[in-house]
C-alpha cells in the first residue's frame, strides 16, 4: 500500500498562521498518513503475510508547521509497532521539482518553470533536479525483497538541498 496524502502551503511565519490553517495542515498531512498506515496495517495483519507501506512525503514541505518531521516520527512509530507482523513502513520524499505542484511554486515565485527549475538545480549540491525516474527507482527499491530489512526510514530525494 502506498500512502499518498499531503498538502503544501506557502511558507508563512508562525505569527501569521491561524489555528484553523494549522489544524487543516496537520489534519491532512499527519492524520491522512496515520489513517493510511492504520488501515493498511490492519488489513495486512488480517491477511497474515506481512506487507510493505511506502509513504510519499515531500523533502521540502514548505509549510509553516513542519509536518514532515511529524510524518517522519509517525513512520518510525508505525515501523516499530508493525514490524512484529513483518510489515515495513518507510517514507520517501521527492523534492518538489519532480512534482506537478512545482508548477504552482513557479507561479507563486513569479518565475517561468524553466527559470524556477534552474534555480532549484543551483540549490542542490548535485547541481541537478531529481527526475520522476529517480523517484520511481527509490519506490521500486522500497517495495523489493532487497529492502525487506529496511523500515522506519525517511529517504529524501532532494539532491542534497536540505540536510534536516
N, C-alpha and C. Protein backbone atom coordinates (compact mmCIF):
# COMPACT_ATOMS: atom_id res chain seq x y z
N UNK A 1 0.85 -1.17 0.00
CA UNK A 1 0.00 0.00 0.00
C UNK A 1 0.89 1.22 0.00
N UNK A 2 0.64 2.11 -0.90
CA UNK A 2 1.37 3.37 -0.93
C UNK A 2 0.50 4.45 -0.30
N UNK A 3 0.97 5.02 0.79
CA UNK A 3 0.26 6.12 1.45
C UNK A 3 0.66 7.41 0.75
N UNK A 4 -0.30 8.13 0.26
CA UNK A 4 -0.01 9.34 -0.50
C UNK A 4 -1.01 10.42 -0.11
N UNK A 5 -0.68 11.17 0.93
CA UNK A 5 -1.58 12.21 1.41
C UNK A 5 -0.76 13.41 1.83
N UNK A 6 -1.16 14.58 1.41
CA UNK A 6 -0.45 15.77 1.87
C UNK A 6 -0.77 17.00 1.06
N UNK A 7 -0.58 18.13 1.70
CA UNK A 7 -0.72 19.42 1.03
C UNK A 7 0.52 20.24 1.31
N UNK A 8 0.77 21.18 0.45
CA UNK A 8 1.88 22.11 0.62
C UNK A 8 1.30 23.51 0.69
N UNK A 9 1.66 24.21 1.71
CA UNK A 9 1.24 25.61 1.84
C UNK A 9 2.46 26.49 1.65
N UNK A 10 2.22 27.70 1.21
CA UNK A 10 3.33 28.64 1.09
C UNK A 10 3.91 28.89 2.48
N UNK A 11 5.21 29.06 2.53
CA UNK A 11 5.88 29.29 3.81
C UNK A 11 5.31 30.57 4.44
N UNK A 12 4.98 30.46 5.70
CA UNK A 12 4.44 31.60 6.42
C UNK A 12 5.05 31.62 7.82
N UNK A 13 5.02 32.78 8.40
CA UNK A 13 5.50 32.92 9.76
C UNK A 13 4.50 32.29 10.72
N UNK A 14 5.01 31.67 11.77
CA UNK A 14 4.11 31.14 12.79
C UNK A 14 3.22 32.23 13.37
N UNK A 15 3.70 33.46 13.35
CA UNK A 15 2.93 34.58 13.88
C UNK A 15 1.71 34.89 13.03
N UNK A 16 1.73 34.46 11.76
CA UNK A 16 0.65 34.77 10.84
C UNK A 16 -0.31 33.61 10.58
N UNK A 17 -0.02 32.45 11.12
CA UNK A 17 -0.82 31.26 10.85
C UNK A 17 -2.00 31.19 11.82
N UNK A 18 -3.18 31.00 11.25
CA UNK A 18 -4.35 30.87 12.12
C UNK A 18 -4.42 29.44 12.65
N UNK A 19 -5.06 29.25 13.80
CA UNK A 19 -5.25 27.89 14.31
C UNK A 19 -5.98 26.99 13.30
N UNK A 20 -6.89 27.55 12.54
CA UNK A 20 -7.62 26.76 11.54
C UNK A 20 -6.67 26.27 10.43
N UNK A 21 -5.76 27.14 9.97
CA UNK A 21 -4.78 26.72 8.96
C UNK A 21 -3.86 25.63 9.51
N UNK A 22 -3.41 25.82 10.74
CA UNK A 22 -2.55 24.84 11.41
C UNK A 22 -3.25 23.48 11.48
N UNK A 23 -4.50 23.50 11.97
CA UNK A 23 -5.26 22.26 12.11
C UNK A 23 -5.49 21.58 10.77
N UNK A 24 -5.81 22.34 9.74
CA UNK A 24 -6.07 21.75 8.41
C UNK A 24 -4.81 21.07 7.87
N UNK A 25 -3.67 21.74 8.01
CA UNK A 25 -2.42 21.16 7.51
C UNK A 25 -2.10 19.86 8.22
N UNK A 26 -2.22 19.85 9.54
CA UNK A 26 -1.93 18.63 10.28
C UNK A 26 -2.99 17.57 10.05
N UNK A 27 -4.24 17.99 9.86
CA UNK A 27 -5.30 17.01 9.60
C UNK A 27 -5.02 16.25 8.30
N UNK A 28 -4.56 16.95 7.30
CA UNK A 28 -4.27 16.29 6.02
C UNK A 28 -2.91 15.61 6.05
N UNK A 29 -1.89 16.34 6.44
CA UNK A 29 -0.52 15.83 6.32
C UNK A 29 -0.17 14.77 7.35
N UNK A 30 -0.74 14.81 8.51
CA UNK A 30 -0.41 13.81 9.52
C UNK A 30 -1.56 12.83 9.74
N UNK A 31 -2.76 13.34 9.89
CA UNK A 31 -3.89 12.43 10.10
C UNK A 31 -4.11 11.54 8.89
N UNK A 32 -3.93 12.10 7.70
CA UNK A 32 -4.08 11.30 6.48
C UNK A 32 -3.09 10.15 6.44
N UNK A 33 -1.85 10.43 6.81
CA UNK A 33 -0.83 9.38 6.85
C UNK A 33 -1.18 8.35 7.92
N UNK A 34 -1.56 8.83 9.10
CA UNK A 34 -1.95 7.94 10.19
C UNK A 34 -3.05 6.97 9.74
N UNK A 35 -4.09 7.51 9.09
CA UNK A 35 -5.19 6.65 8.66
C UNK A 35 -4.75 5.65 7.59
N UNK A 36 -3.89 6.08 6.67
CA UNK A 36 -3.36 5.16 5.66
C UNK A 36 -2.58 4.03 6.34
N UNK A 37 -1.68 4.40 7.25
CA UNK A 37 -0.90 3.39 7.96
C UNK A 37 -1.80 2.43 8.73
N UNK A 38 -2.73 2.99 9.47
CA UNK A 38 -3.60 2.19 10.32
C UNK A 38 -4.42 1.19 9.51
N UNK A 39 -5.09 1.66 8.49
CA UNK A 39 -5.97 0.79 7.72
C UNK A 39 -5.20 -0.25 6.92
N UNK A 40 -4.06 0.16 6.35
CA UNK A 40 -3.25 -0.81 5.61
C UNK A 40 -2.71 -1.89 6.55
N UNK A 41 -2.21 -1.49 7.70
CA UNK A 41 -1.64 -2.46 8.64
C UNK A 41 -2.71 -3.43 9.14
N UNK A 42 -3.89 -2.91 9.43
CA UNK A 42 -4.97 -3.81 9.89
C UNK A 42 -5.26 -4.88 8.86
N UNK A 43 -5.34 -4.48 7.59
CA UNK A 43 -5.62 -5.45 6.53
C UNK A 43 -4.46 -6.42 6.36
N UNK A 44 -3.24 -5.92 6.41
CA UNK A 44 -2.06 -6.78 6.25
C UNK A 44 -1.95 -7.78 7.41
N UNK A 45 -2.25 -7.33 8.62
CA UNK A 45 -2.22 -8.23 9.78
C UNK A 45 -3.29 -9.30 9.63
N UNK A 46 -4.47 -8.91 9.19
CA UNK A 46 -5.57 -9.84 8.98
C UNK A 46 -5.20 -10.91 7.95
N UNK A 47 -4.50 -10.51 6.90
CA UNK A 47 -4.09 -11.45 5.85
C UNK A 47 -2.94 -12.34 6.29
N UNK A 48 -2.16 -11.87 7.27
CA UNK A 48 -1.10 -12.70 7.84
C UNK A 48 0.14 -12.91 6.99
N UNK A 49 0.36 -12.09 5.97
CA UNK A 49 1.51 -12.27 5.09
C UNK A 49 2.53 -11.14 5.21
N UNK A 50 2.33 -10.22 6.14
CA UNK A 50 3.22 -9.07 6.22
C UNK A 50 2.86 -8.08 5.13
N UNK A 51 3.76 -7.14 4.88
CA UNK A 51 3.48 -6.18 3.83
C UNK A 51 4.47 -5.03 3.84
N UNK A 52 4.28 -4.17 2.88
CA UNK A 52 5.15 -3.01 2.69
C UNK A 52 4.29 -1.76 2.62
N UNK A 53 4.69 -0.75 3.37
CA UNK A 53 3.96 0.52 3.32
C UNK A 53 4.98 1.64 3.05
N UNK A 54 5.15 2.00 1.79
CA UNK A 54 5.96 3.19 1.49
C UNK A 54 5.05 4.41 1.50
N UNK A 55 5.47 5.49 2.13
CA UNK A 55 4.68 6.70 2.24
C UNK A 55 5.37 7.82 1.49
N UNK A 56 4.64 8.49 0.64
CA UNK A 56 5.23 9.64 -0.06
C UNK A 56 5.11 10.87 0.82
N UNK A 57 6.20 11.57 0.94
CA UNK A 57 6.22 12.82 1.68
C UNK A 57 6.73 13.91 0.75
N UNK A 58 7.32 14.91 1.30
CA UNK A 58 7.93 15.95 0.49
C UNK A 58 9.20 16.38 1.18
N UNK A 59 10.29 16.34 0.44
CA UNK A 59 11.59 16.69 1.01
C UNK A 59 11.61 18.11 1.53
N UNK A 60 10.91 18.98 0.88
CA UNK A 60 10.89 20.37 1.33
C UNK A 60 9.45 20.82 1.43
N UNK A 61 8.72 20.22 2.33
CA UNK A 61 7.36 20.63 2.53
C UNK A 61 7.40 22.03 3.14
N UNK A 62 7.07 23.05 2.37
CA UNK A 62 7.27 24.41 2.87
C UNK A 62 6.14 24.91 3.73
N UNK A 63 5.57 24.05 4.51
CA UNK A 63 4.50 24.52 5.38
C UNK A 63 5.09 25.08 6.67
N UNK A 64 4.34 25.88 7.31
CA UNK A 64 4.78 26.59 8.49
C UNK A 64 4.89 25.68 9.69
N UNK A 65 4.31 24.51 9.63
CA UNK A 65 4.29 23.67 10.83
C UNK A 65 5.25 22.50 10.74
N UNK A 66 6.01 22.42 9.67
CA UNK A 66 6.99 21.34 9.52
C UNK A 66 6.38 19.98 9.82
N UNK A 67 5.24 19.71 9.21
CA UNK A 67 4.58 18.43 9.43
C UNK A 67 5.42 17.28 8.91
N UNK A 68 6.41 17.57 8.05
CA UNK A 68 7.26 16.49 7.56
C UNK A 68 7.98 15.80 8.72
N UNK A 69 8.34 16.54 9.75
CA UNK A 69 9.01 15.93 10.90
C UNK A 69 8.04 15.04 11.67
N UNK A 70 6.79 15.45 11.75
CA UNK A 70 5.78 14.62 12.41
C UNK A 70 5.55 13.34 11.62
N UNK A 71 5.55 13.43 10.29
CA UNK A 71 5.39 12.25 9.45
C UNK A 71 6.57 11.30 9.65
N UNK A 72 7.77 11.85 9.74
CA UNK A 72 8.94 11.00 10.00
C UNK A 72 8.80 10.26 11.32
N UNK A 73 8.37 10.95 12.35
CA UNK A 73 8.18 10.31 13.66
C UNK A 73 7.09 9.25 13.62
N UNK A 74 6.00 9.55 12.94
CA UNK A 74 4.90 8.59 12.81
C UNK A 74 5.37 7.36 12.03
N UNK A 75 6.17 7.58 11.01
CA UNK A 75 6.71 6.47 10.22
C UNK A 75 7.56 5.55 11.09
N UNK A 76 8.40 6.13 11.93
CA UNK A 76 9.22 5.32 12.82
C UNK A 76 8.37 4.58 13.85
N UNK A 77 7.36 5.23 14.39
CA UNK A 77 6.48 4.58 15.37
C UNK A 77 5.71 3.43 14.73
N UNK A 78 5.20 3.66 13.52
CA UNK A 78 4.47 2.60 12.83
C UNK A 78 5.40 1.42 12.52
N UNK A 79 6.61 1.72 12.08
CA UNK A 79 7.57 0.65 11.77
C UNK A 79 7.87 -0.18 13.00
N UNK A 80 8.04 0.48 14.13
CA UNK A 80 8.33 -0.22 15.38
C UNK A 80 7.16 -1.14 15.77
N UNK A 81 5.95 -0.63 15.66
CA UNK A 81 4.79 -1.43 16.08
C UNK A 81 4.45 -2.53 15.08
N UNK A 82 4.54 -2.25 13.77
CA UNK A 82 4.09 -3.20 12.76
C UNK A 82 5.16 -4.23 12.40
N UNK A 83 6.39 -3.99 12.79
CA UNK A 83 7.48 -4.90 12.45
C UNK A 83 7.25 -6.33 12.89
N UNK A 84 6.65 -6.50 14.05
CA UNK A 84 6.40 -7.86 14.56
C UNK A 84 5.43 -8.64 13.66
N UNK A 85 4.74 -7.91 12.77
CA UNK A 85 3.82 -8.53 11.82
C UNK A 85 4.44 -8.64 10.42
N UNK A 86 5.76 -8.41 10.36
CA UNK A 86 6.51 -8.45 9.10
C UNK A 86 6.02 -7.39 8.10
N UNK A 87 5.70 -6.23 8.65
CA UNK A 87 5.28 -5.09 7.84
C UNK A 87 6.36 -4.03 7.97
N UNK A 88 6.89 -3.58 6.83
CA UNK A 88 7.85 -2.48 6.86
C UNK A 88 7.13 -1.19 6.49
N UNK A 89 7.58 -0.10 7.10
CA UNK A 89 6.99 1.22 6.87
C UNK A 89 8.13 2.19 6.63
N UNK A 90 8.13 2.83 5.49
CA UNK A 90 9.16 3.81 5.14
C UNK A 90 8.52 5.00 4.46
N UNK A 91 9.22 6.10 4.48
CA UNK A 91 8.77 7.30 3.76
C UNK A 91 9.82 7.67 2.73
N UNK A 92 9.37 8.15 1.60
CA UNK A 92 10.28 8.69 0.60
C UNK A 92 9.78 10.08 0.26
N UNK A 93 10.70 10.97 0.10
CA UNK A 93 10.33 12.38 -0.07
C UNK A 93 10.96 12.95 -1.34
N UNK A 94 10.19 12.98 -2.42
CA UNK A 94 10.71 13.59 -3.64
C UNK A 94 10.74 15.10 -3.49
N UNK A 95 11.76 15.71 -4.02
CA UNK A 95 11.83 17.16 -3.99
C UNK A 95 10.75 17.73 -4.87
N UNK A 96 10.24 18.88 -4.53
CA UNK A 96 9.08 19.43 -5.22
C UNK A 96 9.27 19.64 -6.71
N UNK A 97 10.48 19.76 -7.19
CA UNK A 97 10.68 19.99 -8.61
C UNK A 97 10.33 18.77 -9.45
N UNK A 98 10.10 17.63 -8.81
CA UNK A 98 9.70 16.44 -9.55
C UNK A 98 8.19 16.30 -9.59
N UNK A 99 7.49 17.18 -8.92
CA UNK A 99 6.05 17.05 -8.80
C UNK A 99 5.33 18.10 -9.63
N UNK A 100 4.11 17.78 -10.02
CA UNK A 100 3.31 18.74 -10.78
C UNK A 100 3.04 20.01 -9.97
N UNK A 101 3.03 19.87 -8.66
CA UNK A 101 2.79 21.03 -7.80
C UNK A 101 3.87 22.09 -8.00
N UNK A 102 5.02 21.68 -8.55
CA UNK A 102 6.10 22.64 -8.78
C UNK A 102 5.66 23.75 -9.72
N UNK A 103 4.73 23.45 -10.60
CA UNK A 103 4.21 24.49 -11.49
C UNK A 103 3.63 25.64 -10.67
N UNK A 104 2.96 25.30 -9.59
CA UNK A 104 2.36 26.32 -8.73
C UNK A 104 3.43 27.12 -8.00
N UNK A 105 4.52 26.46 -7.59
CA UNK A 105 5.60 27.17 -6.93
C UNK A 105 6.23 28.18 -7.87
N UNK A 106 6.38 27.82 -9.14
CA UNK A 106 6.93 28.75 -10.12
C UNK A 106 6.02 29.96 -10.25
N UNK A 107 4.73 29.73 -10.30
CA UNK A 107 3.78 30.84 -10.40
C UNK A 107 3.85 31.73 -9.16
N UNK A 108 3.91 31.10 -7.98
CA UNK A 108 3.99 31.87 -6.74
C UNK A 108 5.27 32.70 -6.68
N UNK A 109 6.34 32.17 -7.26
CA UNK A 109 7.62 32.89 -7.29
C UNK A 109 7.69 33.89 -8.43
N UNK A 110 6.61 33.96 -9.22
CA UNK A 110 6.54 34.87 -10.37
C UNK A 110 7.70 34.59 -11.34
N UNK A 111 7.92 33.29 -11.61
CA UNK A 111 9.00 32.86 -12.48
C UNK A 111 8.45 31.88 -13.51
N UNK A 112 9.16 31.76 -14.61
CA UNK A 112 8.82 30.71 -15.56
C UNK A 112 9.23 29.38 -14.95
N UNK A 113 8.64 28.30 -15.42
CA UNK A 113 9.01 26.98 -14.91
C UNK A 113 10.48 26.70 -15.16
N UNK A 114 10.96 27.07 -16.34
CA UNK A 114 12.36 26.82 -16.68
C UNK A 114 13.30 27.54 -15.72
N UNK A 115 13.00 28.82 -15.44
CA UNK A 115 13.84 29.58 -14.51
C UNK A 115 13.75 29.02 -13.10
N UNK A 116 12.55 28.61 -12.71
CA UNK A 116 12.35 28.05 -11.38
C UNK A 116 13.16 26.77 -11.22
N UNK A 117 13.07 25.87 -12.20
CA UNK A 117 13.81 24.61 -12.12
C UNK A 117 15.31 24.85 -12.15
N UNK A 118 15.76 25.82 -12.94
CA UNK A 118 17.20 26.14 -12.98
C UNK A 118 17.66 26.64 -11.62
N UNK A 119 16.86 27.49 -10.98
CA UNK A 119 17.19 28.00 -9.65
C UNK A 119 17.25 26.84 -8.65
N UNK A 120 16.29 25.92 -8.74
CA UNK A 120 16.27 24.79 -7.83
C UNK A 120 17.50 23.89 -8.01
N UNK A 121 17.91 23.68 -9.24
CA UNK A 121 19.09 22.86 -9.51
C UNK A 121 20.34 23.50 -8.89
N UNK A 122 20.42 24.81 -8.93
CA UNK A 122 21.57 25.50 -8.34
C UNK A 122 21.62 25.33 -6.83
N UNK A 123 20.46 25.11 -6.21
CA UNK A 123 20.41 24.94 -4.75
C UNK A 123 20.86 23.55 -4.32
N UNK A 124 20.86 22.60 -5.25
CA UNK A 124 21.24 21.23 -4.92
C UNK A 124 22.75 21.07 -4.97
N UNK A 125 23.31 20.33 -4.03
CA UNK A 125 24.75 20.10 -4.06
C UNK A 125 25.14 19.27 -5.28
N UNK A 126 24.19 18.52 -5.82
CA UNK A 126 24.45 17.74 -7.02
C UNK A 126 24.33 18.57 -8.29
N UNK A 127 23.70 19.73 -8.20
CA UNK A 127 23.53 20.61 -9.35
C UNK A 127 22.43 20.20 -10.30
N UNK A 128 21.64 19.21 -9.92
CA UNK A 128 20.54 18.76 -10.79
C UNK A 128 19.29 18.54 -9.96
N UNK A 129 18.16 18.55 -10.64
CA UNK A 129 16.89 18.21 -10.01
C UNK A 129 16.62 16.73 -10.23
N UNK A 130 16.06 16.05 -9.26
CA UNK A 130 15.71 14.65 -9.46
C UNK A 130 14.58 14.53 -10.49
N UNK A 131 14.55 13.42 -11.18
CA UNK A 131 13.50 13.16 -12.16
C UNK A 131 12.47 12.21 -11.57
N UNK A 132 11.38 12.06 -12.26
CA UNK A 132 10.37 11.09 -11.81
C UNK A 132 10.95 9.68 -11.85
N UNK A 133 11.86 9.41 -12.79
CA UNK A 133 12.52 8.09 -12.83
C UNK A 133 13.37 7.87 -11.58
N UNK A 134 14.03 8.93 -11.10
CA UNK A 134 14.81 8.80 -9.87
C UNK A 134 13.92 8.40 -8.70
N UNK A 135 12.76 9.00 -8.63
CA UNK A 135 11.83 8.70 -7.54
C UNK A 135 11.27 7.29 -7.71
N UNK A 136 10.95 6.91 -8.94
CA UNK A 136 10.43 5.55 -9.19
C UNK A 136 11.45 4.50 -8.77
N UNK A 137 12.72 4.78 -8.95
CA UNK A 137 13.77 3.84 -8.55
C UNK A 137 13.76 3.65 -7.03
N UNK A 138 13.58 4.74 -6.29
CA UNK A 138 13.52 4.64 -4.82
C UNK A 138 12.33 3.79 -4.40
N UNK A 139 11.16 4.08 -4.98
CA UNK A 139 9.96 3.34 -4.62
C UNK A 139 10.12 1.87 -4.99
N UNK A 140 10.66 1.60 -6.17
CA UNK A 140 10.88 0.21 -6.60
C UNK A 140 11.77 -0.52 -5.60
N UNK A 141 12.79 0.16 -5.12
CA UNK A 141 13.67 -0.46 -4.13
C UNK A 141 12.93 -0.71 -2.83
N UNK A 142 12.18 0.27 -2.35
CA UNK A 142 11.49 0.12 -1.06
C UNK A 142 10.47 -1.02 -1.07
N UNK A 143 9.93 -1.36 -2.23
CA UNK A 143 8.94 -2.45 -2.29
C UNK A 143 9.57 -3.75 -2.79
N UNK A 144 10.89 -3.80 -2.85
CA UNK A 144 11.58 -5.01 -3.31
C UNK A 144 11.98 -5.89 -2.12
N UNK A 145 12.31 -7.14 -2.43
CA UNK A 145 12.80 -8.07 -1.40
C UNK A 145 14.11 -7.56 -0.81
N UNK A 146 14.91 -6.88 -1.61
CA UNK A 146 16.21 -6.38 -1.15
C UNK A 146 16.07 -5.35 -0.02
N UNK A 147 14.92 -4.71 0.07
CA UNK A 147 14.70 -3.70 1.10
C UNK A 147 13.93 -4.27 2.30
N UNK A 148 13.81 -5.57 2.36
CA UNK A 148 13.00 -6.20 3.40
C UNK A 148 13.44 -5.92 4.82
N UNK A 149 14.68 -5.53 5.01
CA UNK A 149 15.20 -5.26 6.35
C UNK A 149 15.17 -3.77 6.68
N UNK A 150 14.78 -2.95 5.72
CA UNK A 150 14.75 -1.50 5.93
C UNK A 150 13.35 -1.10 6.36
N UNK A 151 13.26 -0.45 7.51
CA UNK A 151 11.96 0.02 7.99
C UNK A 151 12.16 1.21 8.92
N UNK A 152 11.17 2.07 8.95
CA UNK A 152 11.22 3.25 9.80
C UNK A 152 12.12 4.35 9.26
N UNK A 153 12.42 4.30 7.96
CA UNK A 153 13.35 5.27 7.38
C UNK A 153 12.63 6.30 6.52
N UNK A 154 13.23 7.45 6.42
CA UNK A 154 12.75 8.50 5.52
C UNK A 154 13.88 8.82 4.56
N UNK A 155 13.61 8.64 3.29
CA UNK A 155 14.62 8.88 2.26
C UNK A 155 14.25 10.15 1.51
N UNK A 156 15.11 11.14 1.59
CA UNK A 156 14.88 12.40 0.88
C UNK A 156 15.62 12.39 -0.44
N UNK A 157 14.89 12.57 -1.52
CA UNK A 157 15.49 12.67 -2.84
C UNK A 157 15.48 14.15 -3.22
N UNK A 158 16.43 14.89 -2.66
CA UNK A 158 16.43 16.33 -2.86
C UNK A 158 17.75 16.85 -3.41
N UNK A 159 18.65 15.95 -3.78
CA UNK A 159 19.92 16.38 -4.34
C UNK A 159 20.83 17.07 -3.33
N UNK A 160 20.54 16.88 -2.04
CA UNK A 160 21.36 17.49 -1.01
C UNK A 160 21.01 18.94 -0.72
N UNK A 161 19.76 19.32 -1.01
CA UNK A 161 19.35 20.70 -0.75
C UNK A 161 19.24 20.97 0.76
N UNK A 162 18.66 20.03 1.44
CA UNK A 162 18.38 20.23 2.86
C UNK A 162 18.84 18.99 3.62
N UNK A 163 19.56 19.22 4.64
CA UNK A 163 20.04 18.10 5.45
C UNK A 163 19.38 18.16 6.81
N UNK A 164 18.06 18.11 6.82
CA UNK A 164 17.31 18.15 8.09
C UNK A 164 16.48 16.92 8.26
